[in-house]
Amino acid sequence: MIKKAFDIKNTFHKAVPYLSEPQIDMILEICEFKALKNKELIFKAGTSSRLAGFILEGVVRGYYVDQNGLEINSILRVENTFMGN
């Protein structure tokens, strides 16, 4: 469930307390909020993206597939942190 606007602003401010309220408002104005499904790919290897994300709820896992076909975790991001590629 996507959090209410007030909760999002407070959560974001806790993550980046050095930004002023007007700065946070400007950032949030250009944000697109998206709820992702479990195991949905956000970034795919070999592609480039200019996207970044802020995790409001849940965990994001970065991984690669080795030569034996095994998924190897390379990064974990938890709630209230940024992510990008």
Protein backbone atom coordinates (compact mmCIF):
# COMPACT_ATOMS: atom_id res chain seq x y z
CA MET A 1 0.00 0.00 0.00
CA ILE A 2 1.35 3.43 -0.92
CA LYS A 3 1.71 5.76 2.04
CA LYS A 4 -0.21 9.03 2.37
CA ALA A 5 1.45 12.21 1.07
CA PHE A 6 2.16 13.50 4.59
CA ASP A 7 3.82 10.22 5.58
CA ILE A 8 5.92 10.22 2.41
CA LYS A 9 7.13 13.77 3.05
CA ASN A 10 8.07 12.96 6.66
CA THR A 11 9.76 9.71 5.68
CA PHE A 12 11.74 11.46 2.96
CA HIS A 13 12.75 14.27 5.33
CA LYS A 14 14.07 11.74 7.86
CA ALA A 15 16.21 10.16 5.14
CA VAL A 16 17.62 13.51 3.95
CA PRO A 17 17.32 15.88 6.92
CA TYR A 18 19.71 18.41 5.39
CA LEU A 19 17.13 19.35 2.72
CA SER A 20 14.67 22.13 3.47
CA GLU A 21 10.92 21.60 3.22
CA PRO A 22 10.70 23.63 -0.05
CA GLN A 23 13.51 21.51 -1.54
CA ILE A 24 11.72 18.30 -0.57
CA ASP A 25 8.48 19.66 -2.05
CA MET A 26 10.27 20.36 -5.36
CA ILE A 27 11.69 16.84 -5.45
CA LEU A 28 8.35 15.23 -4.62
CA GLU A 29 6.60 17.26 -7.35
CA ILE A 30 8.63 15.48 -10.03
CA CYS A 31 8.43 12.03 -8.45
CA GLU A 32 6.36 9.22 -9.84
CA PHE A 33 5.05 6.84 -7.23
CA LYS A 34 4.85 3.23 -8.24
CA ALA A 35 3.90 0.09 -6.35
CA LEU A 36 5.93 -2.87 -7.57
CA LYS A 37 5.00 -6.51 -7.46
CA ASN A 38 7.14 -9.14 -5.80
CA LYS A 39 10.05 -10.14 -8.09
CA GLU A 40 9.26 -7.37 -10.60
CA LEU A 41 12.43 -6.17 -12.37
CA ILE A 42 13.27 -2.50 -11.96
CA PHE A 43 16.66 -2.36 -13.71
CA LYS A 44 17.96 -4.98 -16.11
CA ALA A 45 21.64 -5.81 -16.63
CA GLY A 46 23.15 -4.34 -19.76
CA THR A 47 20.69 -1.45 -19.95
CA SER A 48 21.15 2.11 -18.82
CA SER A 49 18.65 4.17 -16.91
CA ARG A 50 18.50 7.61 -15.44
CA LEU A 51 16.03 6.51 -12.80
CA ALA A 52 16.51 6.50 -9.08
CA GLY A 53 14.17 5.31 -6.40
CA PHE A 54 13.34 5.78 -2.78
CA ILE A 55 11.99 2.70 -1.05
CA LEU A 56 8.94 3.53 1.08
CA GLU A 57 8.03 -0.05 1.98
CA GLY A 58 9.73 -3.39 1.51
CA VAL A 59 13.15 -4.49 0.32
CA VAL A 60 14.88 -4.36 -3.07
CA ARG A 61 17.44 -6.95 -4.03
CA GLY A 62 20.10 -6.58 -6.68
CA TYR A 63 21.57 -9.75 -8.12
CA TYR A 64 23.34 -11.27 -11.08
CA VAL A 65 23.26 -14.75 -12.56
CA ASP A 66 26.60 -16.56 -12.58
CA GLN A 67 27.91 -18.97 -15.23
CA ASN A 68 26.15 -21.86 -13.47
CA GLY A 69 22.78 -20.13 -13.54
CA LEU A 70 22.79 -19.28 -9.83
CA GLU A 71 21.42 -15.94 -8.63
CA ILE A 72 24.10 -14.13 -6.61
CA ASN A 73 22.93 -11.26 -4.40
CA SER A 74 24.98 -8.14 -4.96
CA ILE A 75 23.01 -5.59 -2.95
CA LEU A 76 20.03 -5.23 -0.63
CA ARG A 77 18.20 -1.97 -0.05
CA VAL A 78 15.65 -1.57 2.73
CA GLU A 79 12.86 0.87 3.52
CA ASN A 80 13.72 4.57 3.67
CA THR A 81 16.80 4.29 1.46
CA PHE A 82 17.64 5.32 -2.09
CA MET A 83 18.44 3.01 -4.96
CA GLY A 84 19.57 3.37 -8.54
CA ASN A 85 21.82 1.84 -11.13
